[in-house]
Amino acid sequence: MKESDATVANRVELHHCADAKSLAFLVARHWIAHMAHRPPNQQQFCVALSGGRLAGAFFQSVVEVSLARAARWNLVEFFFADDRWVPNHDEASNFRLAQHHLLEPLGIHPANIHPLYRGVSPEFDAAQAQADLLHRAPVNQEGAPVLDLVILGMGDDGHVASLFPDAPPDVVESHAVYVATASPKPPHQRITLTYAVLAAASRVIVMASGRGKEIALRDSLSSDGCTPLARLLRRRHSTTLMTDIDIGRGHI
C-alpha cells in the first residue's frame, strides 16, 4: 500500500505502560499469545527481532512468560529486522544479544536461527539473508515475504530497524527484502529489512521507551510526520504501538 496523507491515528493500536519493565512484559505476552493463536494448519511462524536499549529486558521477559505458559518454539523461525555488520560474537551484534538472552535460554535449534552477518560484505550478506527468508516465508502478490510478526524498537530520531532519517531513495523505495545501509552512529555498516517487507508483515509491534523519544513519537503519530516510523505507519493498515511515554492516548 502506498503512503498517503491520511492521519495515522486510526492505523495504530496504542498501549501505554507505566514503565519499561511493564512494557517488556506486555510485548512478550502479546508475542506468545499471537503465536498460540496461529492457524492450526500453519507449519511455521516467522518472527523478526531487533536490538535496542530495551531488547535485553524484553528477551528475558519472553523467556519468563514462555516458561509460565509452556509456549512451544519448535516451529518458530527467528530472523532479524536488522543488525550491525559485525561478527556474531561482537558486543554490538543484535544476534549476540538475542542469542544470550533469548535463543539459548529457550533452547532454540540452530537451524531455526537466521543471523544476518556472514562475513563477506554487507551487500552479499543482505542478498543471502533475502534468499533465506524467501525460502521460508510465504510471499504476497508483490513478491514480498510475509513475516508473521516483526518486533521493532524506535530510536530517538524515530528510526526503526536500520531505516534512518534522510536515507537515500534506493533504500526508502527498495523492493528488496534486505538491503545494506549506513547508520549515522557506529558501527556504521548495517543490514536491514526494507519498508516494503515491514509493510507486508502480518503484524508489527513497535516498542518506544524513554522520555527522550517523546518528540519523535509524537511526530510519528501526526498526519504529516516525517520520521521513519511515520513512513512505516502510513504504509500499514494496522500497527501495534506499545510505549511508556505518556502522550495522552490509549492508557491501559
C-alpha atoms as a PDB file:
ATOM      1  CA  MET A   1       0.000   0.000   0.000  1.00  0.00           C
ATOM      2  CA  LYS A   2       1.302   3.428  -0.951  1.00  0.00           C
ATOM      3  CA  GLU A   3       1.841   6.182   1.552  1.00  0.00           C
ATOM      4  CA  SER A   4      -0.954   8.718   1.894  1.00  0.00           C
ATOM      5  CA  ASP A   5      -1.535  11.971   3.706  1.00  0.00           C
ATOM      6  CA  ALA A   6      -4.263  10.434   5.882  1.00  0.00           C
ATOM      7  CA  THR A   7      -3.849  10.562   9.626  1.00  0.00           C
ATOM      8  CA  VAL A   8      -2.204   7.515  11.141  1.00  0.00           C
ATOM      9  CA  ALA A   9      -4.298   7.638  14.325  1.00  0.00           C
ATOM     10  CA  ASN A  10      -6.798   5.059  13.104  1.00  0.00           C
ATOM     11  CA  ARG A  11      -3.974   2.791  11.921  1.00  0.00           C
ATOM     12  CA  VAL A  12      -2.352   2.433  15.341  1.00  0.00           C
ATOM     13  CA  GLU A  13      -3.357   0.205  18.237  1.00  0.00           C
ATOM     14  CA  LEU A  14      -1.799   2.122  21.121  1.00  0.00           C
ATOM     15  CA  HIS A  15      -0.980   0.659  24.534  1.00  0.00           C
ATOM     16  CA  HIS A  16       0.531   2.715  27.327  1.00  0.00           C
ATOM     17  CA  CYS A  17       2.582   1.114  30.123  1.00  0.00           C
ATOM     18  CA  ALA A  18       3.762   2.522  33.424  1.00  0.00           C
ATOM     19  CA  ASP A  19       7.442   1.791  32.875  1.00  0.00           C
ATOM     20  CA  ALA A  20       9.969  -0.088  30.742  1.00  0.00           C
ATOM     21  CA  LYS A  21       9.628  -3.323  32.715  1.00  0.00           C
ATOM     22  CA  SER A  22       5.863  -3.384  32.230  1.00  0.00           C
ATOM     23  CA  LEU A  23       6.366  -2.597  28.563  1.00  0.00           C
ATOM     24  CA  ALA A  24       8.771  -5.505  28.074  1.00  0.00           C
ATOM     25  CA  PHE A  25       6.350  -7.948  29.696  1.00  0.00           C
ATOM     26  CA  LEU A  26       3.366  -6.648  27.736  1.00  0.00           C
ATOM     27  CA  VAL A  27       5.109  -7.141  24.401  1.00  0.00           C
ATOM     28  CA  ALA A  28       6.279 -10.596  25.498  1.00  0.00           C
ATOM     29  CA  ARG A  29       2.728 -11.606  26.391  1.00  0.00           C
ATOM     30  CA  HIS A  30       1.376 -10.297  23.082  1.00  0.00           C
ATOM     31  CA  TRP A  31       4.006 -12.235  21.129  1.00  0.00           C
ATOM     32  CA  ILE A  32       3.290 -15.541  22.825  1.00  0.00           C
ATOM     33  CA  ALA A  33      -0.481 -15.039  22.654  1.00  0.00           C
ATOM     34  CA  HIS A  34      -0.232 -14.219  18.940  1.00  0.00           C
ATOM     35  CA  MET A  35       1.871 -17.317  18.353  1.00  0.00           C
ATOM     36  CA  ALA A  36      -0.605 -19.503  20.236  1.00  0.00           C
ATOM     37  CA  HIS A  37      -3.477 -18.334  18.007  1.00  0.00           C
ATOM     38  CA  ARG A  38      -1.856 -19.108  14.677  1.00  0.00           C
ATOM     39  CA  PRO A  39      -3.991 -21.183  12.284  1.00  0.00           C
ATOM     40  CA  PRO A  40      -3.794 -24.924  13.043  1.00  0.00           C
ATOM     41  CA  ASN A  41      -2.586 -25.710   9.513  1.00  0.00           C
ATOM     42  CA  GLN A  42       0.314 -23.219   9.711  1.00  0.00           C
ATOM     43  CA  GLN A  43       3.566 -25.132   9.810  1.00  0.00           C
ATOM     44  CA  GLN A  44       5.925 -22.267  10.619  1.00  0.00           C
ATOM     45  CA  PHE A  45       5.833 -18.986  12.489  1.00  0.00           C
ATOM     46  CA  CYS A  46       8.348 -16.460  11.162  1.00  0.00           C
ATOM     47  CA  VAL A  47       9.382 -13.653  13.508  1.00  0.00           C
ATOM     48  CA  ALA A  48      11.926 -10.858  13.012  1.00  0.00           C
ATOM     49  CA  LEU A  49      13.669  -9.281  16.001  1.00  0.00           C
ATOM     50  CA  SER A  50      15.528  -6.014  16.571  1.00  0.00           C
ATOM     51  CA  GLY A  51      18.018  -4.754  19.140  1.00  0.00           C
ATOM     52  CA  GLY A  52      17.958  -1.548  21.160  1.00  0.00           C
ATOM     53  CA  ARG A  53      18.166  -0.480  24.779  1.00  0.00           C
ATOM     54  CA  LEU A  54      15.073  -2.425  25.836  1.00  0.00           C
ATOM     55  CA  ALA A  55      15.867  -5.583  23.866  1.00  0.00           C
ATOM     56  CA  GLY A  56      17.722  -7.470  26.608  1.00  0.00           C
ATOM     57  CA  ALA A  57      14.951  -6.938  29.164  1.00  0.00           C
ATOM     58  CA  PHE A  58      12.344  -7.801  26.552  1.00  0.00           C
ATOM     59  CA  PHE A  59      14.073 -11.066  25.620  1.00  0.00           C
ATOM     60  CA  GLN A  60      14.302 -12.045  29.273  1.00  0.00           C
ATOM     61  CA  SER A  61      10.595 -11.277  29.666  1.00  0.00           C
ATOM     62  CA  VAL A  62       9.786 -13.562  26.732  1.00  0.00           C
ATOM     63  CA  VAL A  63      11.661 -16.393  28.444  1.00  0.00           C
ATOM     64  CA  GLU A  64       9.782 -15.832  31.709  1.00  0.00           C
ATOM     65  CA  VAL A  65       6.368 -15.647  30.033  1.00  0.00           C
ATOM     66  CA  SER A  66       7.204 -18.681  27.915  1.00  0.00           C
ATOM     67  CA  LEU A  67       8.006 -20.782  30.965  1.00  0.00           C
ATOM     68  CA  ALA A  68       4.772 -19.714  32.645  1.00  0.00           C
ATOM     69  CA  ARG A  69       2.652 -20.536  29.604  1.00  0.00           C
ATOM     70  CA  ALA A  70       4.595 -23.565  28.320  1.00  0.00           C
ATOM     71  CA  ALA A  71       4.995 -21.963  24.892  1.00  0.00           C
ATOM     72  CA  ARG A  72       6.200 -24.183  22.056  1.00  0.00           C
ATOM     73  CA  TRP A  73       9.082 -22.885  19.966  1.00  0.00           C
ATOM     74  CA  ASN A  74       9.944 -25.769  17.652  1.00  0.00           C
ATOM     75  CA  LEU A  75       8.051 -24.297  14.696  1.00  0.00           C
ATOM     76  CA  VAL A  76       9.321 -20.734  15.100  1.00  0.00           C
ATOM     77  CA  GLU A  77      11.874 -19.378  12.630  1.00  0.00           C
ATOM     78  CA  PHE A  78      13.912 -16.495  14.077  1.00  0.00           C
ATOM     79  CA  PHE A  79      15.018 -13.749  11.701  1.00  0.00           C
ATOM     80  CA  PHE A  80      16.358 -10.254  12.370  1.00  0.00           C
ATOM     81  CA  ALA A  81      14.793  -6.992  11.294  1.00  0.00           C
ATOM     82  CA  ASP A  82      18.274  -5.505  11.211  1.00  0.00           C
ATOM     83  CA  ASP A  83      21.766  -5.857  12.593  1.00  0.00           C
ATOM     84  CA  ARG A  84      25.116  -4.170  12.629  1.00  0.00           C
ATOM     85  CA  TRP A  85      27.514  -5.706  10.130  1.00  0.00           C
ATOM     86  CA  VAL A  86      29.824  -7.060  12.798  1.00  0.00           C
ATOM     87  CA  PRO A  87      30.741 -10.663  13.705  1.00  0.00           C
ATOM     88  CA  ASN A  88      28.003 -12.510  15.533  1.00  0.00           C
ATOM     89  CA  HIS A  89      30.073 -12.667  18.714  1.00  0.00           C
ATOM     90  CA  ASP A  90      30.646  -8.891  18.747  1.00  0.00           C
ATOM     91  CA  GLU A  91      29.096  -6.983  21.657  1.00  0.00           C
ATOM     92  CA  ALA A  92      27.374  -4.645  19.164  1.00  0.00           C
ATOM     93  CA  SER A  93      25.585  -7.534  17.436  1.00  0.00           C
ATOM     94  CA  ASN A  94      21.809  -7.827  17.776  1.00  0.00           C
ATOM     95  CA  PHE A  95      22.251 -11.532  17.113  1.00  0.00           C
ATOM     96  CA  ARG A  96      24.582 -11.898  20.094  1.00  0.00           C
ATOM     97  CA  LEU A  97      22.100 -10.108  22.348  1.00  0.00           C
ATOM     98  CA  ALA A  98      19.240 -12.346  21.245  1.00  0.00           C
ATOM     99  CA  GLN A  99      21.367 -15.463  21.439  1.00  0.00           C
ATOM    100  CA  HIS A 100      22.419 -14.775  25.013  1.00  0.00           C
ATOM    101  CA  HIS A 101      19.100 -13.562  26.450  1.00  0.00           C
ATOM    102  CA  LEU A 102      16.522 -15.408  24.336  1.00  0.00           C
ATOM    103  CA  LEU A 103      17.620 -18.133  21.956  1.00  0.00           C
ATOM    104  CA  GLU A 104      19.943 -20.087  24.244  1.00  0.00           C
ATOM    105  CA  PRO A 105      17.614 -19.902  27.281  1.00  0.00           C
ATOM    106  CA  LEU A 106      14.729 -21.178  25.133  1.00  0.00           C
ATOM    107  CA  GLY A 107      16.870 -23.941  23.627  1.00  0.00           C
ATOM    108  CA  ILE A 108      16.160 -22.880  20.041  1.00  0.00           C
ATOM    109  CA  HIS A 109      17.658 -25.231  17.466  1.00  0.00           C
ATOM    110  CA  PRO A 110      20.394 -23.501  15.395  1.00  0.00           C
ATOM    111  CA  ALA A 111      18.605 -24.472  12.180  1.00  0.00           C
ATOM    112  CA  ASN A 112      15.744 -22.169  13.191  1.00  0.00           C
ATOM    113  CA  ILE A 113      18.003 -19.140  13.731  1.00  0.00           C
ATOM    114  CA  HIS A 114      18.961 -16.907  10.820  1.00  0.00           C
ATOM    115  CA  PRO A 115      21.658 -14.317  11.611  1.00  0.00           C
ATOM    116  CA  LEU A 116      22.431 -11.621   9.037  1.00  0.00           C
ATOM    117  CA  TYR A 117      26.208 -11.493   9.310  1.00  0.00           C
ATOM    118  CA  ARG A 118      28.144 -13.961   7.135  1.00  0.00           C
ATOM    119  CA  GLY A 119      31.398 -12.061   6.878  1.00  0.00           C
ATOM    120  CA  VAL A 120      31.623 -11.475   3.116  1.00  0.00           C
ATOM    121  CA  SER A 121      30.244  -7.956   2.632  1.00  0.00           C
ATOM    122  CA  PRO A 122      27.052  -6.156   3.718  1.00  0.00           C
ATOM    123  CA  GLU A 123      25.653  -6.386   0.182  1.00  0.00           C
ATOM    124  CA  PHE A 124      26.434 -10.096  -0.222  1.00  0.00           C
ATOM    125  CA  ASP A 125      25.163 -10.939   3.238  1.00  0.00           C
ATOM    126  CA  ALA A 126      21.944  -8.988   2.613  1.00  0.00           C
ATOM    127  CA  ALA A 127      21.369 -10.989  -0.575  1.00  0.00           C
ATOM    128  CA  GLN A 128      21.939 -14.271   1.272  1.00  0.00           C
ATOM    129  CA  ALA A 129      19.564 -13.235   4.058  1.00  0.00           C
ATOM    130  CA  GLN A 130      16.981 -12.320   1.428  1.00  0.00           C
ATOM    131  CA  ALA A 131      17.195 -15.779  -0.158  1.00  0.00           C
ATOM    132  CA  ASP A 132      16.949 -17.381   3.268  1.00  0.00           C
ATOM    133  CA  LEU A 133      13.772 -15.525   4.239  1.00  0.00           C
ATOM    134  CA  LEU A 134      12.116 -16.021   0.842  1.00  0.00           C
ATOM    135  CA  HIS A 135      12.770 -19.753   1.165  1.00  0.00           C
ATOM    136  CA  ARG A 136      10.908 -19.982   4.487  1.00  0.00           C
ATOM    137  CA  ALA A 137       8.131 -17.393   4.490  1.00  0.00           C
ATOM    138  CA  PRO A 138       5.095 -17.123   2.197  1.00  0.00           C
ATOM    139  CA  VAL A 139       5.076 -14.220  -0.240  1.00  0.00           C
ATOM    140  CA  ASN A 140       2.361 -11.733  -1.146  1.00  0.00           C
ATOM    141  CA  GLN A 141       1.228 -10.683  -4.630  1.00  0.00           C
ATOM    142  CA  GLU A 142       4.113  -8.211  -4.872  1.00  0.00           C
ATOM    143  CA  GLY A 143       6.629 -10.944  -4.088  1.00  0.00           C
ATOM    144  CA  ALA A 144       7.455  -9.691  -0.576  1.00  0.00           C
ATOM    145  CA  PRO A 145       7.837 -12.277   2.189  1.00  0.00           C
ATOM    146  CA  VAL A 146       5.069 -12.092   4.774  1.00  0.00           C
ATOM    147  CA  LEU A 147       6.503 -12.369   8.270  1.00  0.00           C
ATOM    148  CA  ASP A 148       4.036 -13.428  10.956  1.00  0.00           C
ATOM    149  CA  LEU A 149       5.446 -10.925  13.432  1.00  0.00           C
ATOM    150  CA  VAL A 150       8.048  -8.165  13.458  1.00  0.00           C
ATOM    151  CA  ILE A 151       9.081  -6.591  16.748  1.00  0.00           C
ATOM    152  CA  LEU A 152      10.757  -3.200  16.406  1.00  0.00           C
ATOM    153  CA  GLY A 153      12.182  -0.572  18.684  1.00  0.00           C
ATOM    154  CA  MET A 154      12.175   3.142  17.907  1.00  0.00           C
ATOM    155  CA  GLY A 155      15.226   5.368  18.136  1.00  0.00           C
ATOM    156  CA  ASP A 156      15.444   8.929  19.438  1.00  0.00           C
ATOM    157  CA  ASP A 157      15.217  10.122  15.827  1.00  0.00           C
ATOM    158  CA  GLY A 158      12.228   7.924  15.043  1.00  0.00           C
ATOM    159  CA  HIS A 159      14.208   5.289  13.170  1.00  0.00           C
ATOM    160  CA  VAL A 160      13.000   1.695  13.047  1.00  0.00           C
ATOM    161  CA  ALA A 161      15.172  -1.311  12.226  1.00  0.00           C
ATOM    162  CA  SER A 162      18.126   0.353  10.459  1.00  0.00           C
ATOM    163  CA  LEU A 163      15.935   2.688   8.412  1.00  0.00           C
ATOM    164  CA  PHE A 164      17.157   6.133   9.370  1.00  0.00           C
ATOM    165  CA  PRO A 165      16.003   9.682   8.582  1.00  0.00           C
ATOM    166  CA  ASP A 166      17.470  11.033   5.341  1.00  0.00           C
ATOM    167  CA  ALA A 167      18.072   7.521   3.982  1.00  0.00           C
ATOM    168  CA  PRO A 168      18.759   7.588   0.214  1.00  0.00           C
ATOM    169  CA  PRO A 169      15.903   6.836  -2.202  1.00  0.00           C
ATOM    170  CA  ASP A 170      17.375   3.464  -3.150  1.00  0.00           C
ATOM    171  CA  VAL A 171      16.850   2.368   0.472  1.00  0.00           C
ATOM    172  CA  VAL A 172      13.473   4.051   1.056  1.00  0.00           C
ATOM    173  CA  GLU A 173      11.952   2.824  -2.206  1.00  0.00           C
ATOM    174  CA  SER A 174      13.642  -0.568  -2.393  1.00  0.00           C
ATOM    175  CA  HIS A 175      11.580  -3.641  -3.231  1.00  0.00           C
ATOM    176  CA  ALA A 176      14.320  -5.940  -1.995  1.00  0.00           C
ATOM    177  CA  VAL A 177      13.919  -7.927   1.227  1.00  0.00           C
ATOM    178  CA  TYR A 178      17.137  -6.861   2.934  1.00  0.00           C
ATOM    179  CA  VAL A 179      19.456  -4.018   1.968  1.00  0.00           C
ATOM    180  CA  ALA A 180      22.839  -2.828   3.148  1.00  0.00           C
ATOM    181  CA  THR A 181      22.598   0.625   4.650  1.00  0.00           C
ATOM    182  CA  ALA A 182      24.568   3.090   6.754  1.00  0.00           C
ATOM    183  CA  SER A 183      23.943   4.327  10.269  1.00  0.00           C
ATOM    184  CA  PRO A 184      24.826   7.845  11.422  1.00  0.00           C
ATOM    185  CA  LYS A 185      26.236   6.219  14.576  1.00  0.00           C
ATOM    186  CA  PRO A 186      28.878   3.492  14.723  1.00  0.00           C
ATOM    187  CA  PRO A 187      29.015   0.698  13.796  1.00  0.00           C
ATOM    188  CA  HIS A 188      28.057   2.370  10.532  1.00  0.00           C
ATOM    189  CA  GLN A 189      27.538  -0.649   8.287  1.00  0.00           C
ATOM    190  CA  ARG A 190      24.119  -2.243   8.736  1.00  0.00           C
ATOM    191  CA  ILE A 191      21.750  -4.717   7.103  1.00  0.00           C
ATOM    192  CA  THR A 192      18.015  -4.077   7.401  1.00  0.00           C
ATOM    193  CA  LEU A 193      14.627  -5.212   6.221  1.00  0.00           C
ATOM    194  CA  THR A 194      13.096  -2.720   3.827  1.00  0.00           C
ATOM    195  CA  TYR A 195       9.945  -0.666   4.247  1.00  0.00           C
ATOM    196  CA  ALA A 196       8.268  -2.938   1.697  1.00  0.00           C
ATOM    197  CA  VAL A 197       8.793  -6.043   3.840  1.00  0.00           C
ATOM    198  CA  LEU A 198       7.886  -4.317   7.106  1.00  0.00           C
ATOM    199  CA  ALA A 199       4.695  -3.070   5.451  1.00  0.00           C
ATOM    200  CA  ALA A 200       3.836  -6.598   4.282  1.00  0.00           C
ATOM    201  CA  ALA A 201       4.202  -8.287   7.695  1.00  0.00           C
ATOM    202  CA  SER A 202       1.064  -9.786   9.218  1.00  0.00           C
ATOM    203  CA  ARG A 203       1.714  -7.990  12.481  1.00  0.00           C
ATOM    204  CA  VAL A 204       4.208  -5.361  13.616  1.00  0.00           C
ATOM    205  CA  ILE A 205       4.739  -4.369  17.239  1.00  0.00           C
ATOM    206  CA  VAL A 206       6.761  -1.219  17.923  1.00  0.00           C
ATOM    207  CA  MET A 207       8.246  -0.609  21.374  1.00  0.00           C
ATOM    208  CA  ALA A 208       9.000   3.023  22.243  1.00  0.00           C
ATOM    209  CA  SER A 209      10.566   3.601  25.645  1.00  0.00           C
ATOM    210  CA  GLY A 210      12.102   6.627  27.328  1.00  0.00           C
ATOM    211  CA  ARG A 211      11.190  10.300  27.689  1.00  0.00           C
ATOM    212  CA  GLY A 212      13.892  11.279  25.235  1.00  0.00           C
ATOM    213  CA  LYS A 213      11.793   9.771  22.461  1.00  0.00           C
ATOM    214  CA  GLU A 214       8.611  11.723  23.113  1.00  0.00           C
ATOM    215  CA  ILE A 215       9.156  14.299  20.352  1.00  0.00           C
ATOM    216  CA  ALA A 216       9.936  11.628  17.761  1.00  0.00           C
ATOM    217  CA  LEU A 217       6.938   9.554  18.848  1.00  0.00           C
ATOM    218  CA  ARG A 218       4.529  12.476  18.636  1.00  0.00           C
ATOM    219  CA  ASP A 219       5.902  13.345  15.205  1.00  0.00           C
ATOM    220  CA  SER A 220       5.483   9.736  14.104  1.00  0.00           C
ATOM    221  CA  LEU A 221       1.804   9.775  15.071  1.00  0.00           C
ATOM    222  CA  SER A 222       0.982  13.067  13.377  1.00  0.00           C
ATOM    223  CA  SER A 223      -0.626  13.209   9.946  1.00  0.00           C
ATOM    224  CA  ASP A 224       2.412  14.933   8.454  1.00  0.00           C
ATOM    225  CA  GLY A 225       5.062  13.034  10.424  1.00  0.00           C
ATOM    226  CA  CYS A 226       8.390  12.677   8.687  1.00  0.00           C
ATOM    227  CA  THR A 227      10.171  10.054  10.801  1.00  0.00           C
ATOM    228  CA  PRO A 228      10.907   6.552   9.514  1.00  0.00           C
ATOM    229  CA  LEU A 229       8.266   5.223  11.919  1.00  0.00           C
ATOM    230  CA  ALA A 230       5.715   7.660  10.466  1.00  0.00           C
ATOM    231  CA  ARG A 231       6.585   6.420   6.989  1.00  0.00           C
ATOM    232  CA  LEU A 232       6.034   2.830   8.076  1.00  0.00           C
ATOM    233  CA  LEU A 233       2.735   3.560   9.845  1.00  0.00           C
ATOM    234  CA  ARG A 234       1.348   5.181   6.707  1.00  0.00           C
ATOM    235  CA  ARG A 235       2.204   2.087   4.686  1.00  0.00           C
ATOM    236  CA  ARG A 236       0.406  -0.338   7.007  1.00  0.00           C
ATOM    237  CA  HIS A 237      -3.291  -0.878   7.701  1.00  0.00           C
ATOM    238  CA  SER A 238      -2.599  -1.593  11.372  1.00  0.00           C
ATOM    239  CA  THR A 239       0.409  -1.427  13.685  1.00  0.00           C
ATOM    240  CA  THR A 240       0.588  -2.102  17.420  1.00  0.00           C
ATOM    241  CA  LEU A 241       2.495   0.553  19.347  1.00  0.00           C
ATOM    242  CA  MET A 242       3.445  -0.065  22.972  1.00  0.00           C
ATOM    243  CA  THR A 243       5.093   2.689  24.978  1.00  0.00           C
ATOM    244  CA  ASP A 244       5.884   4.000  28.436  1.00  0.00           C
ATOM    245  CA  ILE A 245       5.836   7.555  27.074  1.00  0.00           C
ATOM    246  CA  ASP A 246       2.760   9.489  28.169  1.00  0.00           C
ATOM    247  CA  ILE A 247       1.316  11.038  25.029  1.00  0.00           C
ATOM    248  CA  GLY A 248      -2.255  11.195  26.324  1.00  0.00           C
ATOM    249  CA  ARG A 249      -3.890   8.434  24.304  1.00  0.00           C
ATOM    250  CA  GLY A 250      -4.987   4.885  24.939  1.00  0.00           C
ATOM    251  CA  HIS A 251      -3.752   4.308  28.503  1.00  0.00           C
ATOM    252  CA  ILE A 252      -4.036   0.761  29.842  1.00  0.00           C
END
